[in-house]
N, C-alpha and C. Protein backbone atom coordinates (compact mmCIF):
# COMPACT_ATOMS: atom_id res chain seq x y z
N MET A 1 5.59 116.81 -25.42
CA MET A 1 4.24 117.43 -25.53
C MET A 1 3.81 117.46 -26.94
N LEU A 2 2.54 117.16 -27.19
CA LEU A 2 1.96 117.22 -28.49
C LEU A 2 1.57 118.51 -28.83
N ARG A 3 1.99 119.03 -30.01
CA ARG A 3 1.61 120.38 -30.51
C ARG A 3 0.21 120.28 -31.16
N ASP A 4 -0.47 121.36 -31.02
CA ASP A 4 -1.83 121.42 -31.63
C ASP A 4 -1.72 121.44 -33.13
N LEU A 5 -2.75 121.04 -33.78
CA LEU A 5 -2.84 121.05 -35.16
C LEU A 5 -3.70 122.28 -35.56
N THR A 6 -3.18 123.19 -36.38
CA THR A 6 -3.96 124.37 -36.80
C THR A 6 -4.29 124.24 -38.27
N ILE A 7 -5.52 124.40 -38.54
CA ILE A 7 -6.05 124.39 -39.89
C ILE A 7 -6.03 125.82 -40.41
N LEU A 8 -5.41 126.05 -41.53
CA LEU A 8 -5.38 127.39 -42.12
C LEU A 8 -6.33 127.48 -43.35
N MET A 9 -7.01 128.52 -43.45
CA MET A 9 -7.96 128.69 -44.63
C MET A 9 -8.16 130.14 -45.06
N ASP A 10 -8.39 130.33 -46.23
CA ASP A 10 -8.83 131.69 -46.70
C ASP A 10 -10.24 131.49 -47.36
N TYR A 11 -10.82 132.52 -47.78
CA TYR A 11 -12.19 132.46 -48.32
C TYR A 11 -12.13 131.68 -49.66
N LYS A 12 -11.12 131.94 -50.49
CA LYS A 12 -11.03 131.18 -51.78
C LYS A 12 -10.88 129.72 -51.61
N LEU A 13 -10.08 129.27 -50.61
CA LEU A 13 -9.86 127.94 -50.38
C LEU A 13 -11.16 127.27 -49.77
N ALA A 14 -11.89 127.97 -48.94
CA ALA A 14 -13.11 127.46 -48.46
C ALA A 14 -14.09 127.19 -49.53
N CYS A 15 -14.17 128.09 -50.46
CA CYS A 15 -15.15 127.90 -51.59
C CYS A 15 -14.68 126.76 -52.42
N GLU A 16 -13.37 126.57 -52.63
CA GLU A 16 -12.88 125.41 -53.34
C GLU A 16 -13.32 124.09 -52.67
N TYR A 17 -13.08 124.10 -51.40
CA TYR A 17 -13.41 122.83 -50.55
C TYR A 17 -14.93 122.52 -50.72
N ARG A 18 -15.68 123.54 -50.70
CA ARG A 18 -17.21 123.37 -50.85
C ARG A 18 -17.52 122.82 -52.13
N ASP A 19 -17.01 123.48 -53.23
CA ASP A 19 -17.34 123.06 -54.58
C ASP A 19 -16.89 121.55 -54.82
N VAL A 20 -15.72 121.17 -54.25
CA VAL A 20 -15.25 119.77 -54.53
C VAL A 20 -16.07 118.82 -53.67
N ALA A 21 -16.25 119.17 -52.39
CA ALA A 21 -16.98 118.27 -51.37
C ALA A 21 -18.40 117.94 -51.86
N LEU A 22 -19.01 118.91 -52.48
CA LEU A 22 -20.44 118.79 -52.83
C LEU A 22 -20.69 118.21 -54.26
N ARG A 23 -19.59 117.79 -54.94
CA ARG A 23 -19.74 117.08 -56.24
C ARG A 23 -20.48 115.73 -55.99
N GLU A 24 -21.40 115.42 -56.83
CA GLU A 24 -22.19 114.19 -56.66
C GLU A 24 -21.26 112.94 -56.42
N GLU A 25 -20.28 112.81 -57.18
CA GLU A 25 -19.39 111.67 -57.00
C GLU A 25 -18.73 111.66 -55.64
N HIS A 26 -18.42 112.71 -55.06
CA HIS A 26 -17.78 112.79 -53.74
C HIS A 26 -18.82 112.51 -52.65
N LEU A 27 -20.00 112.98 -52.83
CA LEU A 27 -21.13 112.70 -51.94
C LEU A 27 -21.41 111.20 -51.83
N ALA A 28 -21.45 110.65 -53.02
CA ALA A 28 -21.72 109.16 -53.16
C ALA A 28 -20.59 108.39 -52.46
N ILE A 29 -19.32 108.71 -52.69
CA ILE A 29 -18.28 107.95 -52.07
C ILE A 29 -18.27 108.15 -50.59
N SER A 30 -18.62 109.34 -50.10
CA SER A 30 -18.46 109.69 -48.65
C SER A 30 -19.76 109.03 -47.91
N GLY A 31 -20.81 108.82 -48.63
CA GLY A 31 -21.99 108.31 -47.97
C GLY A 31 -22.78 109.34 -47.18
N LYS A 32 -22.33 110.61 -47.29
CA LYS A 32 -22.89 111.73 -46.65
C LYS A 32 -23.94 112.44 -47.51
N THR A 33 -24.92 112.99 -46.85
CA THR A 33 -25.84 113.83 -47.59
C THR A 33 -25.30 115.24 -47.86
N ARG A 34 -25.94 115.95 -48.70
CA ARG A 34 -25.45 117.33 -48.98
C ARG A 34 -25.50 118.13 -47.73
N GLN A 35 -26.55 117.99 -46.92
CA GLN A 35 -26.71 118.71 -45.59
C GLN A 35 -25.66 118.36 -44.67
N GLU A 36 -25.37 117.04 -44.56
CA GLU A 36 -24.32 116.63 -43.60
C GLU A 36 -22.94 117.15 -44.01
N THR A 37 -22.72 117.16 -45.35
CA THR A 37 -21.37 117.69 -45.86
C THR A 37 -21.34 119.21 -45.60
N GLU A 38 -22.39 119.98 -45.82
CA GLU A 38 -22.43 121.38 -45.53
C GLU A 38 -22.19 121.69 -44.09
N GLN A 39 -22.69 120.87 -43.22
CA GLN A 39 -22.46 121.02 -41.79
C GLN A 39 -21.04 120.71 -41.45
N LEU A 40 -20.46 119.72 -42.07
CA LEU A 40 -19.02 119.41 -41.80
C LEU A 40 -18.16 120.59 -42.25
N LEU A 41 -18.46 121.11 -43.42
CA LEU A 41 -17.64 122.25 -43.93
C LEU A 41 -17.83 123.49 -43.10
N LYS A 42 -18.99 123.67 -42.48
CA LYS A 42 -19.29 124.84 -41.61
C LYS A 42 -18.44 124.61 -40.34
N MET A 43 -18.33 123.44 -39.79
CA MET A 43 -17.60 123.21 -38.60
C MET A 43 -16.04 123.35 -38.95
N LEU A 44 -15.55 122.90 -40.10
CA LEU A 44 -14.20 123.09 -40.53
C LEU A 44 -13.86 124.62 -40.55
N LYS A 45 -14.74 125.36 -41.17
CA LYS A 45 -14.48 126.80 -41.26
C LYS A 45 -14.45 127.43 -39.87
N ALA A 46 -15.28 126.97 -38.98
CA ALA A 46 -15.36 127.59 -37.69
C ALA A 46 -14.14 127.33 -36.80
N ILE A 47 -13.41 126.22 -37.07
CA ILE A 47 -12.17 125.98 -36.29
C ILE A 47 -10.90 126.40 -37.01
N ALA A 48 -11.00 126.65 -38.34
CA ALA A 48 -9.83 127.07 -39.14
C ALA A 48 -9.38 128.44 -38.79
N GLU A 49 -8.04 128.66 -38.84
CA GLU A 49 -7.51 130.02 -38.61
C GLU A 49 -7.58 130.70 -39.93
N PRO A 50 -8.20 131.89 -39.94
CA PRO A 50 -8.21 132.64 -41.23
C PRO A 50 -6.92 133.13 -41.69
N VAL A 51 -6.59 133.16 -42.92
CA VAL A 51 -5.34 133.57 -43.47
C VAL A 51 -5.67 134.67 -44.54
N LEU A 52 -5.00 135.77 -44.42
CA LEU A 52 -5.08 136.80 -45.48
C LEU A 52 -3.91 136.68 -46.44
N VAL A 53 -4.22 136.24 -47.65
CA VAL A 53 -3.15 136.03 -48.63
C VAL A 53 -2.85 137.35 -49.22
N LEU A 54 -1.60 137.86 -48.85
CA LEU A 54 -1.13 139.15 -49.38
C LEU A 54 -0.13 138.91 -50.44
N VAL A 55 0.59 137.84 -50.47
CA VAL A 55 1.61 137.59 -51.46
C VAL A 55 1.31 136.23 -52.17
N ARG A 56 1.25 136.28 -53.44
CA ARG A 56 1.01 135.07 -54.20
C ARG A 56 2.27 134.85 -55.02
N HIS A 57 2.76 133.56 -54.96
CA HIS A 57 3.92 133.17 -55.67
C HIS A 57 3.39 132.20 -56.75
N ARG A 58 3.48 132.68 -58.00
CA ARG A 58 2.89 131.82 -59.05
C ARG A 58 3.85 131.68 -60.24
N PRO A 59 3.79 130.62 -60.97
CA PRO A 59 3.18 129.30 -60.61
C PRO A 59 4.09 128.57 -59.63
N LEU A 60 3.49 127.77 -58.84
CA LEU A 60 4.18 127.02 -57.80
C LEU A 60 4.10 125.53 -58.10
N SER A 61 2.95 125.03 -58.32
CA SER A 61 2.61 123.68 -58.47
C SER A 61 2.43 123.26 -59.85
N PRO A 62 2.63 121.97 -60.18
CA PRO A 62 2.31 121.49 -61.51
C PRO A 62 0.83 121.57 -61.82
N ASP A 63 -0.02 121.69 -60.87
CA ASP A 63 -1.47 121.90 -60.98
C ASP A 63 -1.84 123.29 -60.52
N ALA A 64 -2.09 124.26 -61.40
CA ALA A 64 -2.32 125.58 -61.03
C ALA A 64 -3.45 125.69 -59.97
N ASP A 65 -4.40 124.81 -59.92
CA ASP A 65 -5.45 124.84 -58.93
C ASP A 65 -4.95 124.62 -57.55
N ASP A 66 -3.77 123.98 -57.43
CA ASP A 66 -3.17 123.80 -56.07
C ASP A 66 -2.46 124.93 -55.53
N ASP A 67 -2.16 125.92 -56.33
CA ASP A 67 -1.36 127.10 -55.92
C ASP A 67 -2.07 127.83 -54.70
N MET A 68 -3.44 127.84 -54.70
CA MET A 68 -4.10 128.52 -53.63
C MET A 68 -3.83 127.90 -52.28
N VAL A 69 -3.64 126.60 -52.29
CA VAL A 69 -3.24 125.93 -51.06
C VAL A 69 -1.90 126.30 -50.55
N LEU A 70 -0.94 126.39 -51.46
CA LEU A 70 0.37 126.87 -51.22
C LEU A 70 0.38 128.32 -50.82
N ASP A 71 -0.42 129.14 -51.35
CA ASP A 71 -0.59 130.55 -51.00
C ASP A 71 -1.00 130.68 -49.55
N VAL A 72 -1.97 129.87 -49.10
CA VAL A 72 -2.45 129.89 -47.73
C VAL A 72 -1.38 129.46 -46.82
N ALA A 73 -0.71 128.34 -47.14
CA ALA A 73 0.35 127.85 -46.34
C ALA A 73 1.51 128.80 -46.10
N VAL A 74 1.94 129.35 -47.18
CA VAL A 74 3.05 130.38 -47.10
C VAL A 74 2.66 131.60 -46.33
N ASN A 75 1.49 132.21 -46.59
CA ASN A 75 1.05 133.44 -45.92
C ASN A 75 0.61 133.08 -44.56
N GLY A 76 0.22 131.89 -44.21
CA GLY A 76 -0.19 131.53 -42.92
C GLY A 76 0.98 131.02 -42.06
N ASN A 77 2.19 131.04 -42.57
CA ASN A 77 3.33 130.49 -41.85
C ASN A 77 3.21 129.10 -41.42
N ALA A 78 2.68 128.29 -42.20
CA ALA A 78 2.50 126.84 -41.89
C ALA A 78 3.83 126.10 -41.81
N ASP A 79 3.78 125.03 -41.08
CA ASP A 79 4.94 124.13 -41.01
C ASP A 79 4.93 123.06 -42.06
N ALA A 80 3.64 122.73 -42.41
CA ALA A 80 3.50 121.55 -43.33
C ALA A 80 2.20 121.69 -44.10
N ILE A 81 2.13 120.97 -45.16
CA ILE A 81 0.86 120.81 -45.98
C ILE A 81 0.53 119.38 -45.81
N VAL A 82 -0.71 119.16 -45.39
CA VAL A 82 -1.20 117.71 -45.19
C VAL A 82 -2.18 117.48 -46.24
N THR A 83 -1.85 116.55 -47.16
CA THR A 83 -2.72 116.28 -48.34
C THR A 83 -2.49 114.84 -48.91
N ASN A 84 -3.51 114.33 -49.50
CA ASN A 84 -3.32 113.05 -50.15
C ASN A 84 -2.69 113.25 -51.55
N ASN A 85 -2.50 114.49 -51.93
CA ASN A 85 -1.95 114.85 -53.24
C ASN A 85 -0.48 115.34 -53.10
N THR A 86 0.35 114.63 -52.37
CA THR A 86 1.69 115.08 -52.08
C THR A 86 2.55 115.36 -53.32
N LYS A 87 2.39 114.54 -54.38
CA LYS A 87 3.19 114.85 -55.58
C LYS A 87 3.14 116.16 -56.18
N HIS A 88 2.00 116.84 -56.08
CA HIS A 88 1.83 118.22 -56.71
C HIS A 88 2.39 119.25 -55.80
N PHE A 89 2.64 118.94 -54.45
CA PHE A 89 3.06 119.93 -53.52
C PHE A 89 4.55 119.78 -53.13
N ARG A 90 5.06 118.70 -53.22
CA ARG A 90 6.41 118.36 -52.61
C ARG A 90 7.45 119.39 -53.03
N GLU A 91 7.70 119.53 -54.31
CA GLU A 91 8.78 120.42 -54.86
C GLU A 91 8.59 121.82 -54.48
N ALA A 92 7.38 122.38 -54.75
CA ALA A 92 7.15 123.78 -54.40
C ALA A 92 7.15 124.08 -52.89
N ALA A 93 6.70 123.14 -52.13
CA ALA A 93 6.81 123.25 -50.68
C ALA A 93 8.17 123.30 -50.09
N LYS A 94 9.06 122.62 -50.68
CA LYS A 94 10.44 122.55 -50.29
C LYS A 94 11.10 123.96 -50.30
N SER A 95 10.75 124.74 -51.43
CA SER A 95 11.30 126.12 -51.45
C SER A 95 10.85 127.03 -50.36
N PHE A 96 9.75 126.69 -49.68
CA PHE A 96 9.36 127.47 -48.55
C PHE A 96 9.60 126.77 -47.19
N ARG A 97 10.42 125.73 -47.27
CA ARG A 97 10.68 124.90 -46.14
C ARG A 97 9.42 124.28 -45.41
N LEU A 98 8.56 123.88 -46.20
CA LEU A 98 7.31 123.30 -45.67
C LEU A 98 7.33 121.79 -45.94
N ASP A 99 7.01 121.04 -44.92
CA ASP A 99 6.91 119.57 -45.06
C ASP A 99 5.65 119.32 -45.89
N THR A 100 5.58 118.16 -46.61
CA THR A 100 4.44 117.72 -47.34
C THR A 100 4.19 116.37 -46.81
N LEU A 101 3.02 116.16 -46.20
CA LEU A 101 2.68 114.83 -45.58
C LEU A 101 1.37 114.40 -45.95
N ALA A 102 1.19 113.07 -46.17
CA ALA A 102 -0.12 112.46 -46.30
C ALA A 102 -0.82 112.44 -45.00
N PRO A 103 -2.10 112.54 -44.95
CA PRO A 103 -2.81 112.49 -43.59
C PRO A 103 -2.45 111.30 -42.65
N ALA A 104 -2.30 110.19 -43.25
CA ALA A 104 -1.87 108.94 -42.43
C ALA A 104 -0.52 109.14 -41.84
N GLU A 105 0.42 109.80 -42.55
CA GLU A 105 1.76 110.11 -42.09
C GLU A 105 1.71 111.07 -41.00
N ARG A 106 0.94 112.12 -41.15
CA ARG A 106 0.81 113.08 -40.08
C ARG A 106 0.25 112.48 -38.77
N LEU A 107 -0.80 111.65 -38.98
CA LEU A 107 -1.41 110.99 -37.85
C LEU A 107 -0.36 110.12 -37.11
N ARG A 108 0.47 109.35 -37.82
CA ARG A 108 1.45 108.58 -37.20
C ARG A 108 2.44 109.46 -36.41
N LYS A 109 2.78 110.58 -36.90
CA LYS A 109 3.72 111.49 -36.23
C LYS A 109 3.08 111.97 -34.89
N PHE A 110 1.76 112.30 -34.96
CA PHE A 110 1.02 112.59 -33.69
C PHE A 110 1.09 111.43 -32.72
N GLN A 111 0.82 110.30 -33.18
CA GLN A 111 0.73 109.11 -32.26
C GLN A 111 2.08 108.84 -31.60
N LYS A 112 3.23 109.03 -32.38
CA LYS A 112 4.51 108.79 -31.83
C LYS A 112 4.84 109.71 -30.64
N ARG A 113 4.31 110.98 -30.73
CA ARG A 113 4.60 111.99 -29.78
C ARG A 113 3.81 111.80 -28.48
N SER A 114 2.67 111.15 -28.55
CA SER A 114 1.75 111.04 -27.38
C SER A 114 2.17 109.81 -26.47
């Protein structure tokens, strides 16, 4: 049986996603308008499970900006972090027994189970 995928998010992470997604260079690469991107972010927030980050473990990642992702994963009892930036997460995630997977790798795992 295929397990559901649960997206975890807190307010700080939602703000970071918005800031990054709405950068001009990211809009140009995606081919999406600002309004389309805002709508996509709104839908993502609507399906995400909110996480209250009560405990912060710092520093965790070689990139301090990535620590908020680890905070959400740890406080939300995640099984894995799915990211294209696996190198910044792999070592820190191991200490919390979290897998670190690229999106394509996670998709392959889902496909194998179905």
